[in-house]
């Protein structure tokens, strides 16, 4: 439920086989190996065209961090889905699909 803004989307999330099943060894890796990993200076140099999107209530990667990424990268638009958490494809499925189609058409 941590990934959802709209709590009634929880049952939609459970239907997906891959959702929410992160192994503890992966979590331990993130805590130990990546705790000092900072790639922000590299973002300024990347030549890759990038689009950043997130929910305004994202608990796993808060909106402020996504704003920072979009600011550091050149010509990187930020799309914010209001009243959403981390699982945009579940909570606002049609809006997210339209966003992806529009983004791909510009690429």
PDB file of N, CA and C in Angstrom:
ATOM      1  N   UNK A   1       0.816  -1.201   0.000  1.00  0.00           N
ATOM      2  CA  UNK A   1       0.000   0.000   0.000  1.00  0.00           C
ATOM      3  C   UNK A   1       0.856   1.260   0.000  1.00  0.00           C
ATOM      4  N   UNK A   2       2.157   1.105   0.308  1.00  0.00           N
ATOM      5  CA  UNK A   2       3.033   2.262   0.339  1.00  0.00           C
ATOM      6  C   UNK A   2       3.124   2.944  -1.024  1.00  0.00           C
ATOM      7  N   UNK A   3       2.898   2.196  -2.100  1.00  0.00           N
ATOM      8  CA  UNK A   3       3.031   2.737  -3.445  1.00  0.00           C
ATOM      9  C   UNK A   3       1.760   3.384  -3.963  1.00  0.00           C
ATOM     10  N   UNK A   4       0.706   3.410  -3.181  1.00  0.00           N
ATOM     11  CA  UNK A   4      -0.582   3.867  -3.675  1.00  0.00           C
ATOM     12  C   UNK A   4      -1.062   5.109  -2.934  1.00  0.00           C
ATOM     13  N   UNK A   5      -1.601   6.032  -3.671  1.00  0.00           N
ATOM     14  CA  UNK A   5      -2.278   7.182  -3.077  1.00  0.00           C
ATOM     15  C   UNK A   5      -3.742   6.809  -2.846  1.00  0.00           C
ATOM     16  N   UNK A   6      -4.321   6.149  -3.826  1.00  0.00           N
ATOM     17  CA  UNK A   6      -5.715   5.729  -3.792  1.00  0.00           C
ATOM     18  C   UNK A   6      -5.764   4.309  -3.216  1.00  0.00           C
ATOM     19  N   UNK A   7      -6.137   4.165  -1.977  1.00  0.00           N
ATOM     20  CA  UNK A   7      -6.065   2.873  -1.281  1.00  0.00           C
ATOM     21  C   UNK A   7      -6.923   1.783  -1.926  1.00  0.00           C
ATOM     22  N   UNK A   8      -7.992   2.152  -2.597  1.00  0.00           N
ATOM     23  CA  UNK A   8      -8.827   1.114  -3.217  1.00  0.00           C
ATOM     24  C   UNK A   8      -8.168   0.520  -4.459  1.00  0.00           C
ATOM     25  N   UNK A   9      -7.028   1.047  -4.896  1.00  0.00           N
ATOM     26  CA  UNK A   9      -6.280   0.458  -6.011  1.00  0.00           C
ATOM     27  C   UNK A   9      -5.427  -0.723  -5.539  1.00  0.00           C
ATOM     28  N   UNK A  10      -5.421  -0.982  -4.241  1.00  0.00           N
ATOM     29  CA  UNK A  10      -4.615  -2.059  -3.670  1.00  0.00           C
ATOM     30  C   UNK A  10      -4.937  -3.408  -4.303  1.00  0.00           C
ATOM     31  N   UNK A  11      -6.199  -3.680  -4.525  1.00  0.00           N
ATOM     32  CA  UNK A  11      -6.587  -4.985  -5.072  1.00  0.00           C
ATOM     33  C   UNK A  11      -6.176  -5.120  -6.534  1.00  0.00           C
ATOM     34  N   UNK A  12      -6.135  -4.025  -7.264  1.00  0.00           N
ATOM     35  CA  UNK A  12      -5.614  -4.053  -8.628  1.00  0.00           C
ATOM     36  C   UNK A  12      -4.123  -4.399  -8.616  1.00  0.00           C
ATOM     37  N   UNK A  13      -3.402  -3.883  -7.634  1.00  0.00           N
ATOM     38  CA  UNK A  13      -1.978  -4.135  -7.499  1.00  0.00           C
ATOM     39  C   UNK A  13      -1.715  -5.606  -7.185  1.00  0.00           C
ATOM     40  N   UNK A  14      -2.545  -6.209  -6.357  1.00  0.00           N
ATOM     41  CA  UNK A  14      -2.350  -7.607  -5.974  1.00  0.00           C
ATOM     42  C   UNK A  14      -2.507  -8.570  -7.150  1.00  0.00           C
ATOM     43  N   UNK A  15      -3.281  -8.193  -8.143  1.00  0.00           N
ATOM     44  CA  UNK A  15      -3.505  -9.053  -9.304  1.00  0.00           C
ATOM     45  C   UNK A  15      -2.216  -9.262 -10.090  1.00  0.00           C
ATOM     46  N   UNK A  16      -1.358  -8.268 -10.114  1.00  0.00           N
ATOM     47  CA  UNK A  16      -0.107  -8.348 -10.867  1.00  0.00           C
ATOM     48  C   UNK A  16       0.886  -9.255 -10.158  1.00  0.00           C
ATOM     49  N   UNK A  17       1.435 -10.202 -10.876  1.00  0.00           N
ATOM     50  CA  UNK A  17       2.352 -11.163 -10.276  1.00  0.00           C
ATOM     51  C   UNK A  17       3.643 -10.516  -9.788  1.00  0.00           C
ATOM     52  N   UNK A  18       4.148  -9.535 -10.526  1.00  0.00           N
ATOM     53  CA  UNK A  18       5.454  -8.973 -10.204  1.00  0.00           C
ATOM     54  C   UNK A  18       5.408  -7.860  -9.169  1.00  0.00           C
ATOM     55  N   UNK A  19       4.260  -7.394  -8.801  1.00  0.00           N
ATOM     56  CA  UNK A  19       4.170  -6.201  -7.962  1.00  0.00           C
ATOM     57  C   UNK A  19       4.532  -6.466  -6.511  1.00  0.00           C
ATOM     58  N   UNK A  20       5.345  -5.581  -5.968  1.00  0.00           N
ATOM     59  CA  UNK A  20       5.635  -5.584  -4.547  1.00  0.00           C
ATOM     60  C   UNK A  20       6.430  -6.752  -4.016  1.00  0.00           C
ATOM     61  N   UNK A  21       7.078  -7.487  -4.884  1.00  0.00           N
ATOM     62  CA  UNK A  21       7.802  -8.662  -4.420  1.00  0.00           C
ATOM     63  C   UNK A  21       9.318  -8.452  -4.549  1.00  0.00           C
ATOM     64  N   UNK A  22       9.845  -7.548  -3.778  1.00  0.00           N
ATOM     65  CA  UNK A  22      11.287  -7.314  -3.793  1.00  0.00           C
ATOM     66  C   UNK A  22      11.929  -8.192  -2.732  1.00  0.00           C
ATOM     67  N   UNK A  23      12.958  -8.902  -3.115  1.00  0.00           N
ATOM     68  CA  UNK A  23      13.640  -9.772  -2.168  1.00  0.00           C
ATOM     69  C   UNK A  23      14.414  -8.964  -1.140  1.00  0.00           C
ATOM     70  N   UNK A  24      14.499  -9.498   0.054  1.00  0.00           N
ATOM     71  CA  UNK A  24      15.215  -8.798   1.118  1.00  0.00           C
ATOM     72  C   UNK A  24      16.681  -8.583   0.769  1.00  0.00           C
ATOM     73  N   UNK A  25      17.286  -9.509   0.006  1.00  0.00           N
ATOM     74  CA  UNK A  25      18.697  -9.333  -0.353  1.00  0.00           C
ATOM     75  C   UNK A  25      18.868  -8.090  -1.224  1.00  0.00           C
ATOM     76  N   UNK A  26      17.880  -7.766  -2.047  1.00  0.00           N
ATOM     77  CA  UNK A  26      17.961  -6.551  -2.848  1.00  0.00           C
ATOM     78  C   UNK A  26      17.864  -5.317  -1.964  1.00  0.00           C
ATOM     79  N   UNK A  27      16.991  -5.359  -0.999  1.00  0.00           N
ATOM     80  CA  UNK A  27      16.856  -4.230  -0.077  1.00  0.00           C
ATOM     81  C   UNK A  27      18.150  -4.054   0.709  1.00  0.00           C
ATOM     82  N   UNK A  28      18.736  -5.157   1.180  1.00  0.00           N
ATOM     83  CA  UNK A  28      20.005  -5.077   1.898  1.00  0.00           C
ATOM     84  C   UNK A  28      21.090  -4.480   1.014  1.00  0.00           C
ATOM     85  N   UNK A  29      21.104  -4.842  -0.266  1.00  0.00           N
ATOM     86  CA  UNK A  29      22.088  -4.294  -1.208  1.00  0.00           C
ATOM     87  C   UNK A  29      21.923  -2.781  -1.321  1.00  0.00           C
ATOM     88  N   UNK A  30      20.714  -2.339  -1.490  1.00  0.00           N
ATOM     89  CA  UNK A  30      20.474  -0.902  -1.605  1.00  0.00           C
ATOM     90  C   UNK A  30      20.931  -0.168  -0.352  1.00  0.00           C
ATOM     91  N   UNK A  31      20.672  -0.753   0.799  1.00  0.00           N
ATOM     92  CA  UNK A  31      21.044  -0.098   2.057  1.00  0.00           C
ATOM     93  C   UNK A  31      22.549  -0.046   2.249  1.00  0.00           C
ATOM     94  N   UNK A  32      23.264  -1.104   1.871  1.00  0.00           N
ATOM     95  CA  UNK A  32      24.701  -1.153   2.145  1.00  0.00           C
ATOM     96  C   UNK A  32      25.546  -0.594   1.000  1.00  0.00           C
ATOM     97  N   UNK A  33      25.342  -1.053  -0.205  1.00  0.00           N
ATOM     98  CA  UNK A  33      26.212  -0.695  -1.326  1.00  0.00           C
ATOM     99  C   UNK A  33      25.910   0.667  -1.932  1.00  0.00           C
ATOM    100  N   UNK A  34      24.678   1.053  -1.924  1.00  0.00           N
ATOM    101  CA  UNK A  34      24.310   2.280  -2.625  1.00  0.00           C
ATOM    102  C   UNK A  34      24.090   3.483  -1.713  1.00  0.00           C
ATOM    103  N   UNK A  35      24.361   3.348  -0.445  1.00  0.00           N
ATOM    104  CA  UNK A  35      24.055   4.445   0.474  1.00  0.00           C
ATOM    105  C   UNK A  35      24.850   5.710   0.176  1.00  0.00           C
ATOM    106  N   UNK A  36      26.050   5.582  -0.375  1.00  0.00           N
ATOM    107  CA  UNK A  36      26.868   6.756  -0.690  1.00  0.00           C
ATOM    108  C   UNK A  36      26.952   7.035  -2.187  1.00  0.00           C
ATOM    109  N   UNK A  37      26.175   6.344  -2.971  1.00  0.00           N
ATOM    110  CA  UNK A  37      26.214   6.496  -4.425  1.00  0.00           C
ATOM    111  C   UNK A  37      25.490   7.777  -4.823  1.00  0.00           C
ATOM    112  N   UNK A  38      26.222   8.689  -5.474  1.00  0.00           N
ATOM    113  CA  UNK A  38      25.649   9.966  -5.884  1.00  0.00           C
ATOM    114  C   UNK A  38      26.032  10.230  -7.339  1.00  0.00           C
ATOM    115  N   UNK A  39      25.070  10.198  -8.207  1.00  0.00           N
ATOM    116  CA  UNK A  39      25.345  10.366  -9.635  1.00  0.00           C
ATOM    117  C   UNK A  39      24.839  11.702 -10.178  1.00  0.00           C
ATOM    118  N   UNK A  40      24.535  12.638  -9.311  1.00  0.00           N
ATOM    119  CA  UNK A  40      23.952  13.899  -9.758  1.00  0.00           C
ATOM    120  C   UNK A  40      24.851  14.667 -10.722  1.00  0.00           C
ATOM    121  N   UNK A  41      26.144  14.678 -10.510  1.00  0.00           N
ATOM    122  CA  UNK A  41      27.045  15.393 -11.424  1.00  0.00           C
ATOM    123  C   UNK A  41      27.027  14.764 -12.818  1.00  0.00           C
ATOM    124  N   UNK A  42      26.795  13.479 -12.880  1.00  0.00           N
ATOM    125  CA  UNK A  42      26.739  12.786 -14.175  1.00  0.00           C
ATOM    126  C   UNK A  42      25.473  13.137 -14.947  1.00  0.00           C
ATOM    127  N   UNK A  43      24.412  13.459 -14.236  1.00  0.00           N
ATOM    128  CA  UNK A  43      23.157  13.807 -14.905  1.00  0.00           C
ATOM    129  C   UNK A  43      23.323  15.023 -15.809  1.00  0.00           C
ATOM    130  N   UNK A  44      24.136  15.969 -15.384  1.00  0.00           N
ATOM    131  CA  UNK A  44      24.351  17.185 -16.169  1.00  0.00           C
ATOM    132  C   UNK A  44      25.026  16.890 -17.500  1.00  0.00           C
ATOM    133  N   UNK A  45      25.764  15.786 -17.588  1.00  0.00           N
ATOM    134  CA  UNK A  45      26.550  15.453 -18.774  1.00  0.00           C
ATOM    135  C   UNK A  45      25.845  14.498 -19.740  1.00  0.00           C
ATOM    136  N   UNK A  46      24.775  13.878 -19.312  1.00  0.00           N
ATOM    137  CA  UNK A  46      24.178  12.826 -20.126  1.00  0.00           C
ATOM    138  C   UNK A  46      23.587  13.369 -21.420  1.00  0.00           C
ATOM    139  N   UNK A  47      23.873  12.702 -22.550  1.00  0.00           N
ATOM    140  CA  UNK A  47      23.323  13.137 -23.830  1.00  0.00           C
ATOM    141  C   UNK A  47      21.952  12.509 -24.139  1.00  0.00           C
ATOM    142  N   UNK A  48      21.480  11.655 -23.254  1.00  0.00           N
ATOM    143  CA  UNK A  48      20.246  10.912 -23.489  1.00  0.00           C
ATOM    144  C   UNK A  48      19.032  11.802 -23.266  1.00  0.00           C
ATOM    145  N   UNK A  49      18.135  11.817 -24.246  1.00  0.00           N
ATOM    146  CA  UNK A  49      16.887  12.563 -24.081  1.00  0.00           C
ATOM    147  C   UNK A  49      16.046  11.837 -23.029  1.00  0.00           C
ATOM    148  N   UNK A  50      15.630  12.578 -22.021  1.00  0.00           N
ATOM    149  CA  UNK A  50      14.988  11.962 -20.867  1.00  0.00           C
ATOM    150  C   UNK A  50      13.696  12.685 -20.513  1.00  0.00           C
ATOM    151  N   UNK A  51      12.715  11.915 -20.082  1.00  0.00           N
ATOM    152  CA  UNK A  51      11.461  12.446 -19.564  1.00  0.00           C
ATOM    153  C   UNK A  51      11.301  11.907 -18.152  1.00  0.00           C
ATOM    154  N   UNK A  52      11.066  12.788 -17.207  1.00  0.00           N
ATOM    155  CA  UNK A  52      10.884  12.375 -15.821  1.00  0.00           C
ATOM    156  C   UNK A  52       9.406  12.540 -15.477  1.00  0.00           C
ATOM    157  N   UNK A  53       8.847  11.533 -14.837  1.00  0.00           N
ATOM    158  CA  UNK A  53       7.446  11.621 -14.414  1.00  0.00           C
ATOM    159  C   UNK A  53       7.310  11.032 -13.024  1.00  0.00           C
ATOM    160  N   UNK A  54       6.308  11.482 -12.299  1.00  0.00           N
ATOM    161  CA  UNK A  54       6.079  10.941 -10.965  1.00  0.00           C
ATOM    162  C   UNK A  54       4.714  11.372 -10.452  1.00  0.00           C
ATOM    163  N   UNK A  55       4.317  10.711  -9.386  1.00  0.00           N
ATOM    164  CA  UNK A  55       3.104  11.104  -8.686  1.00  0.00           C
ATOM    165  C   UNK A  55       3.446  12.181  -7.664  1.00  0.00           C
ATOM    166  N   UNK A  56       2.544  13.083  -7.444  1.00  0.00           N
ATOM    167  CA  UNK A  56       2.805  14.182  -6.499  1.00  0.00           C
ATOM    168  C   UNK A  56       2.950  13.694  -5.062  1.00  0.00           C
ATOM    169  N   UNK A  57       2.477  12.484  -4.771  1.00  0.00           N
ATOM    170  CA  UNK A  57       2.550  11.918  -3.423  1.00  0.00           C
ATOM    171  C   UNK A  57       3.399  10.653  -3.394  1.00  0.00           C
ATOM    172  N   UNK A  58       4.407  10.566  -4.262  1.00  0.00           N
ATOM    173  CA  UNK A  58       5.250   9.370  -4.355  1.00  0.00           C
ATOM    174  C   UNK A  58       6.031   9.179  -3.060  1.00  0.00           C
ATOM    175  N   UNK A  59       5.842   8.041  -2.416  1.00  0.00           N
ATOM    176  CA  UNK A  59       6.521   7.751  -1.149  1.00  0.00           C
ATOM    177  C   UNK A  59       7.873   7.081  -1.376  1.00  0.00           C
ATOM    178  N   UNK A  60       8.070   6.439  -2.523  1.00  0.00           N
ATOM    179  CA  UNK A  60       9.314   5.713  -2.769  1.00  0.00           C
ATOM    180  C   UNK A  60      10.392   6.592  -3.382  1.00  0.00           C
ATOM    181  N   UNK A  61      10.017   7.502  -4.241  1.00  0.00           N
ATOM    182  CA  UNK A  61      10.948   8.491  -4.797  1.00  0.00           C
ATOM    183  C   UNK A  61      10.209   9.825  -4.784  1.00  0.00           C
ATOM    184  N   UNK A  62      10.328  10.555  -3.698  1.00  0.00           N
ATOM    185  CA  UNK A  62       9.542  11.779  -3.526  1.00  0.00           C
ATOM    186  C   UNK A  62       9.707  12.789  -4.655  1.00  0.00           C
ATOM    187  N   UNK A  63       8.654  13.555  -4.860  1.00  0.00           N
ATOM    188  CA  UNK A  63       8.578  14.518  -5.956  1.00  0.00           C
ATOM    189  C   UNK A  63       9.770  15.470  -5.976  1.00  0.00           C
ATOM    190  N   UNK A  64      10.245  15.890  -4.838  1.00  0.00           N
ATOM    191  CA  UNK A  64      11.378  16.808  -4.774  1.00  0.00           C
ATOM    192  C   UNK A  64      12.637  16.242  -5.415  1.00  0.00           C
ATOM    193  N   UNK A  65      12.856  14.936  -5.261  1.00  0.00           N
ATOM    194  CA  UNK A  65      14.010  14.300  -5.887  1.00  0.00           C
ATOM    195  C   UNK A  65      13.858  14.278  -7.403  1.00  0.00           C
ATOM    196  N   UNK A  66      12.653  14.048  -7.869  1.00  0.00           N
ATOM    197  CA  UNK A  66      12.425  14.041  -9.324  1.00  0.00           C
ATOM    198  C   UNK A  66      12.590  15.445  -9.897  1.00  0.00           C
ATOM    199  N   UNK A  67      12.174  16.445  -9.137  1.00  0.00           N
ATOM    200  CA  UNK A  67      12.393  17.824  -9.579  1.00  0.00           C
ATOM    201  C   UNK A  67      13.885  18.107  -9.720  1.00  0.00           C
ATOM    202  N   UNK A  68      14.657  17.620  -8.775  1.00  0.00           N
ATOM    203  CA  UNK A  68      16.107  17.831  -8.831  1.00  0.00           C
ATOM    204  C   UNK A  68      16.710  17.164 -10.063  1.00  0.00           C
ATOM    205  N   UNK A  69      16.302  15.945 -10.368  1.00  0.00           N
ATOM    206  CA  UNK A  69      16.799  15.248 -11.550  1.00  0.00           C
ATOM    207  C   UNK A  69      16.449  16.037 -12.812  1.00  0.00           C
ATOM    208  N   UNK A  70      15.217  16.463 -12.916  1.00  0.00           N
ATOM    209  CA  UNK A  70      14.782  17.214 -14.104  1.00  0.00           C
ATOM    210  C   UNK A  70      15.551  18.531 -14.224  1.00  0.00           C
ATOM    211  N   UNK A  71      15.850  19.189 -13.117  1.00  0.00           N
ATOM    212  CA  UNK A  71      16.615  20.437 -13.142  1.00  0.00           C
ATOM    213  C   UNK A  71      18.058  20.211 -13.574  1.00  0.00           C
ATOM    214  N   UNK A  72      18.641  19.098 -13.136  1.00  0.00           N
ATOM    215  CA  UNK A  72      20.046  18.822 -13.446  1.00  0.00           C
ATOM    216  C   UNK A  72      20.258  18.404 -14.902  1.00  0.00           C
ATOM    217  N   UNK A  73      19.275  17.786 -15.503  1.00  0.00           N
ATOM    218  CA  UNK A  73      19.424  17.322 -16.882  1.00  0.00           C
ATOM    219  C   UNK A  73      18.976  18.413 -17.850  1.00  0.00           C
ATOM    220  N   UNK A  74      19.675  18.518 -18.940  1.00  0.00           N
ATOM    221  CA  UNK A  74      19.334  19.530 -19.937  1.00  0.00           C
ATOM    222  C   UNK A  74      18.054  19.138 -20.681  1.00  0.00           C
ATOM    223  N   UNK A  75      17.184  20.086 -20.843  1.00  0.00           N
ATOM    224  CA  UNK A  75      15.956  19.880 -21.620  1.00  0.00           C
ATOM    225  C   UNK A  75      15.188  18.637 -21.188  1.00  0.00           C
ATOM    226  N   UNK A  76      15.036  18.474 -19.905  1.00  0.00           N
ATOM    227  CA  UNK A  76      14.352  17.303 -19.357  1.00  0.00           C
ATOM    228  C   UNK A  76      13.021  17.732 -18.751  1.00  0.00           C
ATOM    229  N   UNK A  77      11.920  17.440 -19.422  1.00  0.00           N
ATOM    230  CA  UNK A  77      10.619  17.815 -18.858  1.00  0.00           C
ATOM    231  C   UNK A  77      10.225  16.920 -17.680  1.00  0.00           C
ATOM    232  N   UNK A  78       9.481  17.492 -16.772  1.00  0.00           N
ATOM    233  CA  UNK A  78       8.960  16.765 -15.617  1.00  0.00           C
ATOM    234  C   UNK A  78       7.444  16.761 -15.698  1.00  0.00           C
ATOM    235  N   UNK A  79       6.859  15.578 -15.696  1.00  0.00           N
ATOM    236  CA  UNK A  79       5.405  15.439 -15.686  1.00  0.00           C
ATOM    237  C   UNK A  79       4.983  14.945 -14.307  1.00  0.00           C
ATOM    238  N   UNK A  80       4.093  15.679 -13.672  1.00  0.00           N
ATOM    239  CA  UNK A  80       3.624  15.324 -12.332  1.00  0.00           C
ATOM    240  C   UNK A  80       2.161  14.914 -12.404  1.00  0.00           C
ATOM    241  N   UNK A  81       1.872  13.747 -11.878  1.00  0.00           N
ATOM    242  CA  UNK A  81       0.503  13.249 -11.809  1.00  0.00           C
ATOM    243  C   UNK A  81      -0.023  13.581 -10.422  1.00  0.00           C
ATOM    244  N   UNK A  82      -0.965  14.495 -10.354  1.00  0.00           N
ATOM    245  CA  UNK A  82      -1.495  14.930  -9.060  1.00  0.00           C
ATOM    246  C   UNK A  82      -2.320  13.819  -8.415  1.00  0.00           C
ATOM    247  N   UNK A  83      -2.255  13.782  -7.103  1.00  0.00           N
ATOM    248  CA  UNK A  83      -2.994  12.803  -6.294  1.00  0.00           C
ATOM    249  C   UNK A  83      -2.644  11.375  -6.681  1.00  0.00           C
ATOM    250  N   UNK A  84      -1.356  11.142  -6.909  1.00  0.00           N
ATOM    251  CA  UNK A  84      -0.862   9.799  -7.199  1.00  0.00           C
ATOM    252  C   UNK A  84       0.372   9.520  -6.369  1.00  0.00           C
ATOM    253  N   UNK A  85       0.604   8.237  -6.147  1.00  0.00           N
ATOM    254  CA  UNK A  85       1.795   7.794  -5.453  1.00  0.00           C
ATOM    255  C   UNK A  85       2.739   7.202  -6.491  1.00  0.00           C
ATOM    256  N   UNK A  86       3.339   6.055  -6.240  1.00  0.00           N
ATOM    257  CA  UNK A  86       4.377   5.474  -7.079  1.00  0.00           C
ATOM    258  C   UNK A  86       3.828   4.646  -8.241  1.00  0.00           C
ATOM    259  N   UNK A  87       2.651   4.098  -8.102  1.00  0.00           N
ATOM    260  CA  UNK A  87       2.098   3.177  -9.109  1.00  0.00           C
ATOM    261  C   UNK A  87       1.129   3.887 -10.039  1.00  0.00           C
ATOM    262  N   UNK A  88       1.680   4.737 -10.878  1.00  0.00           N
ATOM    263  CA  UNK A  88       0.854   5.535 -11.792  1.00  0.00           C
ATOM    264  C   UNK A  88       0.078   4.668 -12.770  1.00  0.00           C
ATOM    265  N   UNK A  89       0.688   3.573 -13.199  1.00  0.00           N
ATOM    266  CA  UNK A  89       0.043   2.703 -14.172  1.00  0.00           C
ATOM    267  C   UNK A  89      -1.181   1.997 -13.613  1.00  0.00           C
ATOM    268  N   UNK A  90      -1.333   1.998 -12.306  1.00  0.00           N
ATOM    269  CA  UNK A  90      -2.507   1.381 -11.684  1.00  0.00           C
ATOM    270  C   UNK A  90      -3.526   2.442 -11.284  1.00  0.00           C
ATOM    271  N   UNK A  91      -3.054   3.493 -10.646  1.00  0.00           N
ATOM    272  CA  UNK A  91      -3.974   4.487 -10.106  1.00  0.00           C
ATOM    273  C   UNK A  91      -4.637   5.355 -11.173  1.00  0.00           C
ATOM    274  N   UNK A  92      -3.903   5.707 -12.189  1.00  0.00           N
ATOM    275  CA  UNK A  92      -4.451   6.538 -13.269  1.00  0.00           C
ATOM    276  C   UNK A  92      -4.083   5.907 -14.606  1.00  0.00           C
ATOM    277  N   UNK A  93      -4.545   4.699 -14.806  1.00  0.00           N
ATOM    278  CA  UNK A  93      -4.128   3.876 -15.948  1.00  0.00           C
ATOM    279  C   UNK A  93      -4.309   4.597 -17.283  1.00  0.00           C
ATOM    280  N   UNK A  94      -5.458   5.159 -17.533  1.00  0.00           N
ATOM    281  CA  UNK A  94      -5.726   5.806 -18.818  1.00  0.00           C
ATOM    282  C   UNK A  94      -4.896   7.079 -18.996  1.00  0.00           C
ATOM    283  N   UNK A  95      -4.781   7.874 -17.940  1.00  0.00           N
ATOM    284  CA  UNK A  95      -3.956   9.087 -18.009  1.00  0.00           C
ATOM    285  C   UNK A  95      -2.496   8.738 -18.260  1.00  0.00           C
ATOM    286  N   UNK A  96      -2.022   7.696 -17.587  1.00  0.00           N
ATOM    287  CA  UNK A  96      -0.636   7.282 -17.750  1.00  0.00           C
ATOM    288  C   UNK A  96      -0.391   6.753 -19.160  1.00  0.00           C
ATOM    289  N   UNK A  97      -1.318   5.986 -19.666  1.00  0.00           N
ATOM    290  CA  UNK A  97      -1.195   5.450 -21.033  1.00  0.00           C
ATOM    291  C   UNK A  97      -1.151   6.603 -22.047  1.00  0.00           C
ATOM    292  N   UNK A  98      -2.011   7.587 -21.880  1.00  0.00           N
ATOM    293  CA  UNK A  98      -2.023   8.747 -22.781  1.00  0.00           C
ATOM    294  C   UNK A  98      -0.704   9.514 -22.690  1.00  0.00           C
ATOM    295  N   UNK A  99      -0.187   9.656 -21.472  1.00  0.00           N
ATOM    296  CA  UNK A  99       1.100  10.328 -21.278  1.00  0.00           C
ATOM    297  C   UNK A  99       2.211   9.577 -22.021  1.00  0.00           C
ATOM    298  N   UNK A 100       2.249   8.253 -21.879  1.00  0.00           N
ATOM    299  CA  UNK A 100       3.281   7.467 -22.566  1.00  0.00           C
ATOM    300  C   UNK A 100       3.169   7.591 -24.082  1.00  0.00           C
ATOM    301  N   UNK A 101       1.959   7.523 -24.590  1.00  0.00           N
ATOM    302  CA  UNK A 101       1.775   7.628 -26.035  1.00  0.00           C
ATOM    303  C   UNK A 101       2.233   9.002 -26.548  1.00  0.00           C
ATOM    304  N   UNK A 102       1.910  10.044 -25.829  1.00  0.00           N
ATOM    305  CA  UNK A 102       2.319  11.396 -26.212  1.00  0.00           C
ATOM    306  C   UNK A 102       3.848  11.540 -26.136  1.00  0.00           C
ATOM    307  N   UNK A 103       4.434  11.018 -25.072  1.00  0.00           N
ATOM    308  CA  UNK A 103       5.886  11.091 -24.903  1.00  0.00           C
ATOM    309  C   UNK A 103       6.598  10.344 -26.015  1.00  0.00           C
ATOM    310  N   UNK A 104       6.128   9.163 -26.342  1.00  0.00           N
ATOM    311  CA  UNK A 104       6.758   8.356 -27.399  1.00  0.00           C
ATOM    312  C   UNK A 104       6.597   9.039 -28.758  1.00  0.00           C
ATOM    313  N   UNK A 105       5.482   9.678 -28.978  1.00  0.00           N
ATOM    314  CA  UNK A 105       5.272  10.350 -30.268  1.00  0.00           C
ATOM    315  C   UNK A 105       6.236  11.519 -30.458  1.00  0.00           C
ATOM    316  N   UNK A 106       6.698  12.142 -29.373  1.00  0.00           N
ATOM    317  CA  UNK A 106       7.661  13.242 -29.462  1.00  0.00           C
ATOM    318  C   UNK A 106       9.091  12.731 -29.627  1.00  0.00           C
ATOM    319  N   UNK A 107       9.338  11.485 -29.205  1.00  0.00           N
ATOM    320  CA  UNK A 107      10.718  10.952 -29.212  1.00  0.00           C
ATOM    321  C   UNK A 107      11.244  10.691 -30.599  1.00  0.00           C
TER     322      UNK A 107
END
